Amino acid sequence: MTNNPMRVMNASEYATRLVDYYDQQDLYNWYYTNPTSSQGKPARPDVTNPEIMTSRLRTEEEKSNYLAGNDVDWVDAVTRFAAIQNYNLSVAQRTERGNYFVSDSFTRESF
């Protein structure tokens, strides 16, 4: 883990958030019908059921990774250190006949 204190959701939290989002949409749609009783009110899905969780994931890749327990620490993946070398060269000159400026740069990245 990096020194970055940023906290992002893991795969299980992301799946739970999607289930909650769609559950809230169903609930809002039910309220939109102006119900007079609680009959037909959507119940919160069981987030411990993998079938319910995967039914709300958006792609087959997300579903297979969720069921396999694969997880990625995105903060660590995008903030890791890499060796970078930058070389810059520039030459400038002013004469009676005009101004000259030549510049070049080179970057090397090692992962």
PDB file of N, CA and C in Angstrom:
ATOM      1  N   MET A   1       0.838  -1.177   0.000  1.00  0.00           N
ATOM      2  CA  MET A   1       0.000   0.000   0.000  1.00  0.00           C
ATOM      3  C   MET A   1       0.884   1.243   0.000  1.00  0.00           C
ATOM      4  N   THR A   2       0.462   2.230  -0.656  1.00  0.00           N
ATOM      5  CA  THR A   2       1.220   3.471  -0.723  1.00  0.00           C
ATOM      6  C   THR A   2       0.961   4.316   0.514  1.00  0.00           C
ATOM      7  N   ASN A   3       1.638   5.445   0.590  1.00  0.00           N
ATOM      8  CA  ASN A   3       1.413   6.382   1.697  1.00  0.00           C
ATOM      9  C   ASN A   3       0.177   7.231   1.459  1.00  0.00           C
ATOM     10  N   ASN A   4      -0.454   7.083   0.319  1.00  0.00           N
ATOM     11  CA  ASN A   4      -1.623   7.876  -0.025  1.00  0.00           C
ATOM     12  C   ASN A   4      -2.812   7.436   0.827  1.00  0.00           C
ATOM     13  N   PRO A   5      -3.435   8.348   1.567  1.00  0.00           N
ATOM     14  CA  PRO A   5      -4.548   7.967   2.441  1.00  0.00           C
ATOM     15  C   PRO A   5      -5.878   7.814   1.701  1.00  0.00           C
ATOM     16  N   MET A   6      -5.878   7.984   0.371  1.00  0.00           N
ATOM     17  CA  MET A   6      -7.131   7.878  -0.371  1.00  0.00           C
ATOM     18  C   MET A   6      -7.715   6.474  -0.219  1.00  0.00           C
ATOM     19  N   ARG A   7      -8.982   6.405   0.016  1.00  0.00           N
ATOM     20  CA  ARG A   7      -9.673   5.121   0.204  1.00  0.00           C
ATOM     21  C   ARG A   7     -10.666   4.944  -0.918  1.00  0.00           C
ATOM     22  N   VAL A   8     -10.575   3.837  -1.644  1.00  0.00           N
ATOM     23  CA  VAL A   8     -11.540   3.527  -2.689  1.00  0.00           C
ATOM     24  C   VAL A   8     -12.216   2.202  -2.345  1.00  0.00           C
ATOM     25  N   MET A   9     -13.366   1.971  -2.966  1.00  0.00           N
ATOM     26  CA  MET A   9     -14.125   0.752  -2.688  1.00  0.00           C
ATOM     27  C   MET A   9     -13.401  -0.478  -3.230  1.00  0.00           C
ATOM     28  N   ASN A  10     -13.517  -1.584  -2.519  1.00  0.00           N
ATOM     29  CA  ASN A  10     -13.045  -2.848  -3.066  1.00  0.00           C
ATOM     30  C   ASN A  10     -14.192  -3.473  -3.875  1.00  0.00           C
ATOM     31  N   ALA A  11     -13.966  -4.635  -4.441  1.00  0.00           N
ATOM     32  CA  ALA A  11     -14.953  -5.248  -5.330  1.00  0.00           C
ATOM     33  C   ALA A  11     -16.275  -5.530  -4.615  1.00  0.00           C
ATOM     34  N   SER A  12     -16.209  -6.019  -3.401  1.00  0.00           N
ATOM     35  CA  SER A  12     -17.432  -6.335  -2.652  1.00  0.00           C
ATOM     36  C   SER A  12     -18.221  -5.063  -2.324  1.00  0.00           C
ATOM     37  N   GLU A  13     -17.517  -4.010  -1.927  1.00  0.00           N
ATOM     38  CA  GLU A  13     -18.193  -2.746  -1.622  1.00  0.00           C
ATOM     39  C   GLU A  13     -18.811  -2.126  -2.873  1.00  0.00           C
ATOM     40  N   TYR A  14     -18.110  -2.249  -3.995  1.00  0.00           N
ATOM     41  CA  TYR A  14     -18.631  -1.732  -5.265  1.00  0.00           C
ATOM     42  C   TYR A  14     -19.912  -2.475  -5.655  1.00  0.00           C
ATOM     43  N   ALA A  15     -19.891  -3.797  -5.543  1.00  0.00           N
ATOM     44  CA  ALA A  15     -21.076  -4.588  -5.887  1.00  0.00           C
ATOM     45  C   ALA A  15     -22.241  -4.247  -4.959  1.00  0.00           C
ATOM     46  N   THR A  16     -21.968  -4.107  -3.666  1.00  0.00           N
ATOM     47  CA  THR A  16     -23.017  -3.734  -2.715  1.00  0.00           C
ATOM     48  C   THR A  16     -23.580  -2.360  -3.056  1.00  0.00           C
ATOM     49  N   ARG A  17     -22.722  -1.432  -3.443  1.00  0.00           N
ATOM     50  CA  ARG A  17     -23.179  -0.085  -3.809  1.00  0.00           C
ATOM     51  C   ARG A  17     -24.096  -0.133  -5.021  1.00  0.00           C
ATOM     52  N   LEU A  18     -23.754  -0.949  -6.019  1.00  0.00           N
ATOM     53  CA  LEU A  18     -24.620  -1.064  -7.193  1.00  0.00           C
ATOM     54  C   LEU A  18     -25.973  -1.667  -6.831  1.00  0.00           C
ATOM     55  N   VAL A  19     -25.963  -2.698  -6.000  1.00  0.00           N
ATOM     56  CA  VAL A  19     -27.222  -3.308  -5.568  1.00  0.00           C
ATOM     57  C   VAL A  19     -28.066  -2.271  -4.829  1.00  0.00           C
ATOM     58  N   ASP A  20     -27.441  -1.510  -3.937  1.00  0.00           N
ATOM     59  CA  ASP A  20     -28.172  -0.467  -3.206  1.00  0.00           C
ATOM     60  C   ASP A  20     -28.709   0.609  -4.145  1.00  0.00           C
ATOM     61  N   TYR A  21     -27.920   0.985  -5.134  1.00  0.00           N
ATOM     62  CA  TYR A  21     -28.358   2.006  -6.091  1.00  0.00           C
ATOM     63  C   TYR A  21     -29.618   1.545  -6.830  1.00  0.00           C
ATOM     64  N   TYR A  22     -29.575   0.332  -7.372  1.00  0.00           N
ATOM     65  CA  TYR A  22     -30.739  -0.166  -8.107  1.00  0.00           C
ATOM     66  C   TYR A  22     -31.930  -0.400  -7.187  1.00  0.00           C
ATOM     67  N   ASP A  23     -31.655  -0.808  -5.932  1.00  0.00           N
ATOM     68  CA  ASP A  23     -32.738  -0.971  -4.956  1.00  0.00           C
ATOM     69  C   ASP A  23     -33.414   0.378  -4.687  1.00  0.00           C
ATOM     70  N   GLN A  24     -32.636   1.437  -4.549  1.00  0.00           N
ATOM     71  CA  GLN A  24     -33.209   2.762  -4.339  1.00  0.00           C
ATOM     72  C   GLN A  24     -34.024   3.218  -5.550  1.00  0.00           C
ATOM     73  N   GLN A  25     -33.558   2.908  -6.748  1.00  0.00           N
ATOM     74  CA  GLN A  25     -34.311   3.258  -7.948  1.00  0.00           C
ATOM     75  C   GLN A  25     -35.663   2.550  -7.960  1.00  0.00           C
ATOM     76  N   ASP A  26     -35.662   1.253  -7.604  1.00  0.00           N
ATOM     77  CA  ASP A  26     -36.921   0.507  -7.534  1.00  0.00           C
ATOM     78  C   ASP A  26     -37.857   1.110  -6.482  1.00  0.00           C
ATOM     79  N   LEU A  27     -37.280   1.503  -5.344  1.00  0.00           N
ATOM     80  CA  LEU A  27     -38.083   2.092  -4.276  1.00  0.00           C
ATOM     81  C   LEU A  27     -38.666   3.443  -4.703  1.00  0.00           C
ATOM     82  N   TYR A  28     -37.873   4.284  -5.363  1.00  0.00           N
ATOM     83  CA  TYR A  28     -38.370   5.570  -5.851  1.00  0.00           C
ATOM     84  C   TYR A  28     -39.478   5.374  -6.878  1.00  0.00           C
ATOM     85  N   ASN A  29     -39.300   4.395  -7.749  1.00  0.00           N
ATOM     86  CA  ASN A  29     -40.343   4.106  -8.742  1.00  0.00           C
ATOM     87  C   ASN A  29     -41.627   3.644  -8.069  1.00  0.00           C
ATOM     88  N   TRP A  30     -41.503   2.866  -6.998  1.00  0.00           N
ATOM     89  CA  TRP A  30     -42.683   2.418  -6.251  1.00  0.00           C
ATOM     90  C   TRP A  30     -43.373   3.619  -5.592  1.00  0.00           C
ATOM     91  N   TYR A  31     -42.609   4.515  -4.961  1.00  0.00           N
ATOM     92  CA  TYR A  31     -43.187   5.716  -4.353  1.00  0.00           C
ATOM     93  C   TYR A  31     -43.850   6.609  -5.398  1.00  0.00           C
ATOM     94  N   TYR A  32     -43.318   6.613  -6.601  1.00  0.00           N
ATOM     95  CA  TYR A  32     -43.868   7.437  -7.677  1.00  0.00           C
ATOM     96  C   TYR A  32     -45.305   7.040  -8.018  1.00  0.00           C
ATOM     97  N   THR A  33     -45.687   5.792  -7.713  1.00  0.00           N
ATOM     98  CA  THR A  33     -47.045   5.319  -8.003  1.00  0.00           C
ATOM     99  C   THR A  33     -48.051   5.771  -6.943  1.00  0.00           C
ATOM    100  N   ASN A  34     -47.596   6.545  -5.943  1.00  0.00           N
ATOM    101  CA  ASN A  34     -48.455   7.011  -4.844  1.00  0.00           C
ATOM    102  C   ASN A  34     -49.181   5.855  -4.153  1.00  0.00           C
ATOM    103  N   PRO A  35     -48.437   4.954  -3.547  1.00  0.00           N
ATOM    104  CA  PRO A  35     -49.072   3.785  -2.911  1.00  0.00           C
ATOM    105  C   PRO A  35     -49.893   4.181  -1.692  1.00  0.00           C
ATOM    106  N   THR A  36     -50.945   3.433  -1.454  1.00  0.00           N
ATOM    107  CA  THR A  36     -51.794   3.680  -0.281  1.00  0.00           C
ATOM    108  C   THR A  36     -51.510   2.675   0.827  1.00  0.00           C
ATOM    109  N   SER A  37     -50.722   1.660   0.534  1.00  0.00           N
ATOM    110  CA  SER A  37     -50.306   0.693   1.547  1.00  0.00           C
ATOM    111  C   SER A  37     -48.890   0.238   1.196  1.00  0.00           C
ATOM    112  N   SER A  38     -48.321  -0.587   2.052  1.00  0.00           N
ATOM    113  CA  SER A  38     -46.959  -1.065   1.811  1.00  0.00           C
ATOM    114  C   SER A  38     -46.927  -2.278   0.872  1.00  0.00           C
ATOM    115  N   GLN A  39     -48.071  -2.659   0.362  1.00  0.00           N
ATOM    116  CA  GLN A  39     -48.135  -3.803  -0.540  1.00  0.00           C
ATOM    117  C   GLN A  39     -47.360  -3.480  -1.819  1.00  0.00           C
ATOM    118  N   GLY A  40     -46.494  -4.394  -2.208  1.00  0.00           N
ATOM    119  CA  GLY A  40     -45.697  -4.214  -3.418  1.00  0.00           C
ATOM    120  C   GLY A  40     -44.426  -3.411  -3.215  1.00  0.00           C
ATOM    121  N   LYS A  41     -44.198  -2.965  -1.963  1.00  0.00           N
ATOM    122  CA  LYS A  41     -42.987  -2.189  -1.683  1.00  0.00           C
ATOM    123  C   LYS A  41     -41.773  -3.095  -1.844  1.00  0.00           C
ATOM    124  N   PRO A  42     -40.777  -2.661  -2.636  1.00  0.00           N
ATOM    125  CA  PRO A  42     -39.585  -3.496  -2.829  1.00  0.00           C
ATOM    126  C   PRO A  42     -38.804  -3.650  -1.529  1.00  0.00           C
ATOM    127  N   ALA A  43     -38.372  -4.869  -1.257  1.00  0.00           N
ATOM    128  CA  ALA A  43     -37.545  -5.140  -0.085  1.00  0.00           C
ATOM    129  C   ALA A  43     -36.078  -5.063  -0.503  1.00  0.00           C
ATOM    130  N   ARG A  44     -35.229  -4.684   0.439  1.00  0.00           N
ATOM    131  CA  ARG A  44     -33.794  -4.604   0.129  1.00  0.00           C
ATOM    132  C   ARG A  44     -33.282  -6.002  -0.178  1.00  0.00           C
ATOM    133  N   PRO A  45     -32.558  -6.142  -1.287  1.00  0.00           N
ATOM    134  CA  PRO A  45     -32.028  -7.456  -1.650  1.00  0.00           C
ATOM    135  C   PRO A  45     -31.013  -7.962  -0.626  1.00  0.00           C
ATOM    136  N   ASP A  46     -30.882  -9.275  -0.577  1.00  0.00           N
ATOM    137  CA  ASP A  46     -29.922  -9.923   0.313  1.00  0.00           C
ATOM    138  C   ASP A  46     -28.527  -9.796  -0.298  1.00  0.00           C
ATOM    139  N   VAL A  47     -27.706  -8.920   0.254  1.00  0.00           N
ATOM    140  CA  VAL A  47     -26.381  -8.675  -0.325  1.00  0.00           C
ATOM    141  C   VAL A  47     -25.380  -9.780  -0.006  1.00  0.00           C
ATOM    142  N   THR A  48     -25.800 -10.786   0.757  1.00  0.00           N
ATOM    143  CA  THR A  48     -24.916 -11.932   1.005  1.00  0.00           C
ATOM    144  C   THR A  48     -25.102 -13.006  -0.059  1.00  0.00           C
ATOM    145  N   ASN A  49     -26.084 -12.840  -0.938  1.00  0.00           N
ATOM    146  CA  ASN A  49     -26.358 -13.799  -1.996  1.00  0.00           C
ATOM    147  C   ASN A  49     -25.564 -13.407  -3.246  1.00  0.00           C
ATOM    148  N   PRO A  50     -24.577 -14.216  -3.651  1.00  0.00           N
ATOM    149  CA  PRO A  50     -23.751 -13.861  -4.808  1.00  0.00           C
ATOM    150  C   PRO A  50     -24.550 -13.718  -6.107  1.00  0.00           C
ATOM    151  N   GLU A  51     -25.627 -14.471  -6.265  1.00  0.00           N
ATOM    152  CA  GLU A  51     -26.431 -14.368  -7.486  1.00  0.00           C
ATOM    153  C   GLU A  51     -27.091 -12.995  -7.593  1.00  0.00           C
ATOM    154  N   ILE A  52     -27.589 -12.485  -6.479  1.00  0.00           N
ATOM    155  CA  ILE A  52     -28.198 -11.154  -6.479  1.00  0.00           C
ATOM    156  C   ILE A  52     -27.133 -10.101  -6.750  1.00  0.00           C
ATOM    157  N   MET A  53     -25.968 -10.268  -6.122  1.00  0.00           N
ATOM    158  CA  MET A  53     -24.894  -9.297  -6.313  1.00  0.00           C
ATOM    159  C   MET A  53     -24.439  -9.247  -7.769  1.00  0.00           C
ATOM    160  N   THR A  54     -24.236 -10.401  -8.370  1.00  0.00           N
ATOM    161  CA  THR A  54     -23.749 -10.415  -9.755  1.00  0.00           C
ATOM    162  C   THR A  54     -24.821  -9.983 -10.746  1.00  0.00           C
ATOM    163  N   SER A  55     -26.092 -10.080 -10.373  1.00  0.00           N
ATOM    164  CA  SER A  55     -27.143  -9.668 -11.306  1.00  0.00           C
ATOM    165  C   SER A  55     -27.109  -8.166 -11.562  1.00  0.00           C
ATOM    166  N   ARG A  56     -26.515  -7.406 -10.659  1.00  0.00           N
ATOM    167  CA  ARG A  56     -26.460  -5.949 -10.816  1.00  0.00           C
ATOM    168  C   ARG A  56     -25.121  -5.447 -11.350  1.00  0.00           C
ATOM    169  N   LEU A  57     -24.125  -6.324 -11.453  1.00  0.00           N
ATOM    170  CA  LEU A  57     -22.853  -5.903 -12.034  1.00  0.00           C
ATOM    171  C   LEU A  57     -23.041  -5.691 -13.525  1.00  0.00           C
ATOM    172  N   ARG A  58     -22.247  -4.808 -14.107  1.00  0.00           N
ATOM    173  CA  ARG A  58     -22.531  -4.319 -15.454  1.00  0.00           C
ATOM    174  C   ARG A  58     -21.961  -5.152 -16.584  1.00  0.00           C
ATOM    175  N   THR A  59     -20.846  -5.834 -16.371  1.00  0.00           N
ATOM    176  CA  THR A  59     -20.238  -6.607 -17.460  1.00  0.00           C
ATOM    177  C   THR A  59     -19.978  -8.036 -17.004  1.00  0.00           C
ATOM    178  N   GLU A  60     -19.795  -8.907 -17.964  1.00  0.00           N
ATOM    179  CA  GLU A  60     -19.469 -10.301 -17.641  1.00  0.00           C
ATOM    180  C   GLU A  60     -18.112 -10.394 -16.953  1.00  0.00           C
ATOM    181  N   GLU A  61     -17.195  -9.514 -17.340  1.00  0.00           N
ATOM    182  CA  GLU A  61     -15.878  -9.498 -16.700  1.00  0.00           C
ATOM    183  C   GLU A  61     -15.999  -9.138 -15.220  1.00  0.00           C
ATOM    184  N   GLU A  62     -16.824  -8.145 -14.900  1.00  0.00           N
ATOM    185  CA  GLU A  62     -17.047  -7.791 -13.498  1.00  0.00           C
ATOM    186  C   GLU A  62     -17.656  -8.956 -12.738  1.00  0.00           C
ATOM    187  N   LYS A  63     -18.616  -9.641 -13.361  1.00  0.00           N
ATOM    188  CA  LYS A  63     -19.276 -10.777 -12.693  1.00  0.00           C
ATOM    189  C   LYS A  63     -18.290 -11.900 -12.411  1.00  0.00           C
ATOM    190  N   SER A  64     -17.487 -12.260 -13.415  1.00  0.00           N
ATOM    191  CA  SER A  64     -16.546 -13.370 -13.209  1.00  0.00           C
ATOM    192  C   SER A  64     -15.464 -13.000 -12.203  1.00  0.00           C
ATOM    193  N   ASN A  65     -14.982 -11.766 -12.226  1.00  0.00           N
ATOM    194  CA  ASN A  65     -13.980 -11.341 -11.244  1.00  0.00           C
ATOM    195  C   ASN A  65     -14.562 -11.301  -9.839  1.00  0.00           C
ATOM    196  N   TYR A  66     -15.807 -10.840  -9.702  1.00  0.00           N
ATOM    197  CA  TYR A  66     -16.452 -10.798  -8.388  1.00  0.00           C
ATOM    198  C   TYR A  66     -16.603 -12.210  -7.826  1.00  0.00           C
ATOM    199  N   LEU A  67     -17.101 -13.139  -8.650  1.00  0.00           N
ATOM    200  CA  LEU A  67     -17.307 -14.512  -8.177  1.00  0.00           C
ATOM    201  C   LEU A  67     -15.989 -15.213  -7.862  1.00  0.00           C
ATOM    202  N   ALA A  68     -14.906 -14.836  -8.586  1.00  0.00           N
ATOM    203  CA  ALA A  68     -13.594 -15.443  -8.339  1.00  0.00           C
ATOM    204  C   ALA A  68     -12.877 -14.790  -7.160  1.00  0.00           C
ATOM    205  N   GLY A  69     -13.417 -13.674  -6.661  1.00  0.00           N
ATOM    206  CA  GLY A  69     -12.784 -12.984  -5.545  1.00  0.00           C
ATOM    207  C   GLY A  69     -11.608 -12.117  -5.949  1.00  0.00           C
ATOM    208  N   ASN A  70     -11.501 -11.819  -7.240  1.00  0.00           N
ATOM    209  CA  ASN A  70     -10.409 -10.960  -7.714  1.00  0.00           C
ATOM    210  C   ASN A  70     -10.667  -9.519  -7.314  1.00  0.00           C
ATOM    211  N   ASP A  71      -9.635  -8.860  -6.880  1.00  0.00           N
ATOM    212  CA  ASP A  71      -9.747  -7.477  -6.437  1.00  0.00           C
ATOM    213  C   ASP A  71      -8.482  -6.739  -6.850  1.00  0.00           C
ATOM    214  N   VAL A  72      -8.603  -5.448  -7.111  1.00  0.00           N
ATOM    215  CA  VAL A  72      -7.465  -4.629  -7.512  1.00  0.00           C
ATOM    216  C   VAL A  72      -7.387  -3.423  -6.590  1.00  0.00           C
ATOM    217  N   ASP A  73      -6.203  -3.174  -6.063  1.00  0.00           N
ATOM    218  CA  ASP A  73      -5.974  -1.960  -5.284  1.00  0.00           C
ATOM    219  C   ASP A  73      -5.595  -0.870  -6.283  1.00  0.00           C
ATOM    220  N   TRP A  74      -6.591  -0.111  -6.754  1.00  0.00           N
ATOM    221  CA  TRP A  74      -6.365   0.864  -7.816  1.00  0.00           C
ATOM    222  C   TRP A  74      -5.467   2.004  -7.378  1.00  0.00           C
ATOM    223  N   VAL A  75      -5.539   2.405  -6.121  1.00  0.00           N
ATOM    224  CA  VAL A  75      -4.674   3.480  -5.646  1.00  0.00           C
ATOM    225  C   VAL A  75      -3.219   3.040  -5.749  1.00  0.00           C
ATOM    226  N   ASP A  76      -2.937   1.825  -5.327  1.00  0.00           N
ATOM    227  CA  ASP A  76      -1.573   1.309  -5.402  1.00  0.00           C
ATOM    228  C   ASP A  76      -1.134   1.138  -6.858  1.00  0.00           C
ATOM    229  N   ALA A  77      -2.046   0.690  -7.706  1.00  0.00           N
ATOM    230  CA  ALA A  77      -1.696   0.443  -9.102  1.00  0.00           C
ATOM    231  C   ALA A  77      -1.333   1.723  -9.857  1.00  0.00           C
ATOM    232  N   VAL A  78      -1.995   2.809  -9.550  1.00  0.00           N
ATOM    233  CA  VAL A  78      -1.744   4.036 -10.310  1.00  0.00           C
ATOM    234  C   VAL A  78      -0.782   4.990  -9.611  1.00  0.00           C
ATOM    235  N   THR A  79      -0.387   4.709  -8.377  1.00  0.00           N
ATOM    236  CA  THR A  79       0.521   5.614  -7.689  1.00  0.00           C
ATOM    237  C   THR A  79       1.861   4.974  -7.362  1.00  0.00           C
ATOM    238  N   ARG A  80       2.162   3.834  -7.931  1.00  0.00           N
ATOM    239  CA  ARG A  80       3.451   3.210  -7.627  1.00  0.00           C
ATOM    240  C   ARG A  80       4.584   4.003  -8.270  1.00  0.00           C
ATOM    241  N   PHE A  81       5.778   3.791  -7.733  1.00  0.00           N
ATOM    242  CA  PHE A  81       6.934   4.530  -8.195  1.00  0.00           C
ATOM    243  C   PHE A  81       7.516   3.899  -9.456  1.00  0.00           C
ATOM    244  N   ALA A  82       8.002   4.728 -10.336  1.00  0.00           N
ATOM    245  CA  ALA A  82       8.675   4.274 -11.542  1.00  0.00           C
ATOM    246  C   ALA A  82       9.875   5.188 -11.772  1.00  0.00           C
ATOM    247  N   ALA A  83      10.940   4.612 -12.302  1.00  0.00           N
ATOM    248  CA  ALA A  83      12.126   5.409 -12.599  1.00  0.00           C
ATOM    249  C   ALA A  83      11.885   6.198 -13.879  1.00  0.00           C
ATOM    250  N   ILE A  84      12.078   7.484 -13.807  1.00  0.00           N
ATOM    251  CA  ILE A  84      11.904   8.346 -14.968  1.00  0.00           C
ATOM    252  C   ILE A  84      13.162   9.187 -15.124  1.00  0.00           C
ATOM    253  N   GLN A  85      13.691   9.191 -16.337  1.00  0.00           N
ATOM    254  CA  GLN A  85      14.850  10.020 -16.635  1.00  0.00           C
ATOM    255  C   GLN A  85      14.453  11.027 -17.702  1.00  0.00           C
ATOM    256  N   ASN A  86      14.701  12.287 -17.427  1.00  0.00           N
ATOM    257  CA  ASN A  86      14.433  13.353 -18.385  1.00  0.00           C
ATOM    258  C   ASN A  86      15.740  14.034 -18.755  1.00  0.00           C
ATOM    259  N   TYR A  87      15.965  14.195 -20.035  1.00  0.00           N
ATOM    260  CA  TYR A  87      17.141  14.904 -20.534  1.00  0.00           C
ATOM    261  C   TYR A  87      16.666  16.042 -21.413  1.00  0.00           C
ATOM    262  N   ASN A  88      17.136  17.244 -21.155  1.00  0.00           N
ATOM    263  CA  ASN A  88      16.782  18.418 -21.940  1.00  0.00           C
ATOM    264  C   ASN A  88      18.055  19.135 -22.361  1.00  0.00           C
ATOM    265  N   LEU A  89      18.075  19.559 -23.607  1.00  0.00           N
ATOM    266  CA  LEU A  89      19.207  20.302 -24.135  1.00  0.00           C
ATOM    267  C   LEU A  89      18.659  21.473 -24.930  1.00  0.00           C
ATOM    268  N   SER A  90      19.171  22.650 -24.668  1.00  0.00           N
ATOM    269  CA  SER A  90      18.765  23.806 -25.460  1.00  0.00           C
ATOM    270  C   SER A  90      19.956  24.733 -25.646  1.00  0.00           C
ATOM    271  N   VAL A  91      19.995  25.337 -26.818  1.00  0.00           N
ATOM    272  CA  VAL A  91      21.047  26.281 -27.157  1.00  0.00           C
ATOM    273  C   VAL A  91      20.365  27.517 -27.733  1.00  0.00           C
ATOM    274  N   ALA A  92      20.731  28.676 -27.234  1.00  0.00           N
ATOM    275  CA  ALA A  92      20.175  29.926 -27.738  1.00  0.00           C
ATOM    276  C   ALA A  92      21.314  30.900 -27.997  1.00  0.00           C
ATOM    277  N   GLN A  93      21.174  31.658 -29.075  1.00  0.00           N
ATOM    278  CA  GLN A  93      22.196  32.646 -29.398  1.00  0.00           C
ATOM    279  C   GLN A  93      21.556  33.816 -30.125  1.00  0.00           C
ATOM    280  N   ARG A  94      22.060  34.973 -29.819  1.00  0.00           N
ATOM    281  CA  ARG A  94      21.598  36.181 -30.499  1.00  0.00           C
ATOM    282  C   ARG A  94      22.815  36.813 -31.195  1.00  0.00           C
ATOM    283  N   THR A  95      22.653  37.075 -32.467  1.00  0.00           N
ATOM    284  CA  THR A  95      23.718  37.710 -33.243  1.00  0.00           C
ATOM    285  C   THR A  95      23.132  38.903 -33.978  1.00  0.00           C
ATOM    286  N   GLU A  96      24.006  39.576 -34.695  1.00  0.00           N
ATOM    287  CA  GLU A  96      23.542  40.704 -35.500  1.00  0.00           C
ATOM    288  C   GLU A  96      22.621  40.245 -36.621  1.00  0.00           C
ATOM    289  N   ARG A  97      22.788  39.003 -37.069  1.00  0.00           N
ATOM    290  CA  ARG A  97      22.015  38.492 -38.202  1.00  0.00           C
ATOM    291  C   ARG A  97      20.685  37.868 -37.773  1.00  0.00           C
ATOM    292  N   GLY A  98      20.493  37.592 -36.482  1.00  0.00           N
ATOM    293  CA  GLY A  98      19.226  37.010 -36.031  1.00  0.00           C
ATOM    294  C   GLY A  98      19.361  36.278 -34.710  1.00  0.00           C
ATOM    295  N   ASN A  99      18.275  35.665 -34.336  1.00  0.00           N
ATOM    296  CA  ASN A  99      18.225  34.890 -33.102  1.00  0.00           C
ATOM    297  C   ASN A  99      18.138  33.406 -33.457  1.00  0.00           C
ATOM    298  N   TYR A 100      18.832  32.584 -32.680  1.00  0.00           N
ATOM    299  CA  TYR A 100      18.818  31.151 -32.910  1.00  0.00           C
ATOM    300  C   TYR A 100      18.411  30.442 -31.618  1.00  0.00           C
ATOM    301  N   PHE A 101      17.587  29.428 -31.759  1.00  0.00           N
ATOM    302  CA  PHE A 101      17.199  28.635 -30.603  1.00  0.00           C
ATOM    303  C   PHE A 101      16.991  27.194 -31.065  1.00  0.00           C
ATOM    304  N   VAL A 102      17.705  26.267 -30.453  1.00  0.00           N
ATOM    305  CA  VAL A 102      17.581  24.848 -30.761  1.00  0.00           C
ATOM    306  C   VAL A 102      17.310  24.131 -29.438  1.00  0.00           C
ATOM    307  N   SER A 103      16.345  23.218 -29.457  1.00  0.00           N
ATOM    308  CA  SER A 103      15.979  22.526 -28.226  1.00  0.00           C
ATOM    309  C   SER A 103      15.657  21.076 -28.542  1.00  0.00           C
ATOM    310  N   ASP A 104      15.956  20.192 -27.604  1.00  0.00           N
ATOM    311  CA  ASP A 104      15.626  18.777 -27.750  1.00  0.00           C
ATOM    312  C   ASP A 104      15.415  18.206 -26.351  1.00  0.00           C
ATOM    313  N   SER A 105      14.621  17.159 -26.275  1.00  0.00           N
ATOM    314  CA  SER A 105      14.410  16.489 -24.987  1.00  0.00           C
ATOM    315  C   SER A 105      14.197  15.003 -25.216  1.00  0.00           C
ATOM    316  N   PHE A 106      14.494  14.227 -24.175  1.00  0.00           N
ATOM    317  CA  PHE A 106      14.348  12.775 -24.238  1.00  0.00           C
ATOM    318  C   PHE A 106      13.872  12.306 -22.871  1.00  0.00           C
ATOM    319  N   THR A 107      12.901  11.423 -22.854  1.00  0.00           N
ATOM    320  CA  THR A 107      12.372  10.870 -21.598  1.00  0.00           C
ATOM    321  C   THR A 107      12.423   9.346 -21.649  1.00  0.00           C
ATOM    322  N   ARG A 108      12.924   8.740 -20.583  1.00  0.00           N
ATOM    323  CA  ARG A 108      12.967   7.277 -20.475  1.00  0.00           C
ATOM    324  C   ARG A 108      12.241   6.882 -19.188  1.00  0.00           C
ATOM    325  N   GLU A 109      11.288   5.969 -19.314  1.00  0.00           N
ATOM    326  CA  GLU A 109      10.538   5.480 -18.161  1.00  0.00           C
ATOM    327  C   GLU A 109      10.794   3.998 -17.989  1.00  0.00           C
ATOM    328  N   SER A 110      11.087   3.584 -16.778  1.00  0.00           N
ATOM    329  CA  SER A 110      11.305   2.170 -16.456  1.00  0.00           C
ATOM    330  C   SER A 110      10.286   1.743 -15.417  1.00  0.00           C
ATOM    331  N   PHE A 111       9.618   0.648 -15.668  1.00  0.00           N
ATOM    332  CA  PHE A 111       8.606   0.167 -14.721  1.00  0.00           C
ATOM    333  C   PHE A 111       9.050  -1.074 -14.037  1.00  0.00           C
TER     334      PHE A 111
END
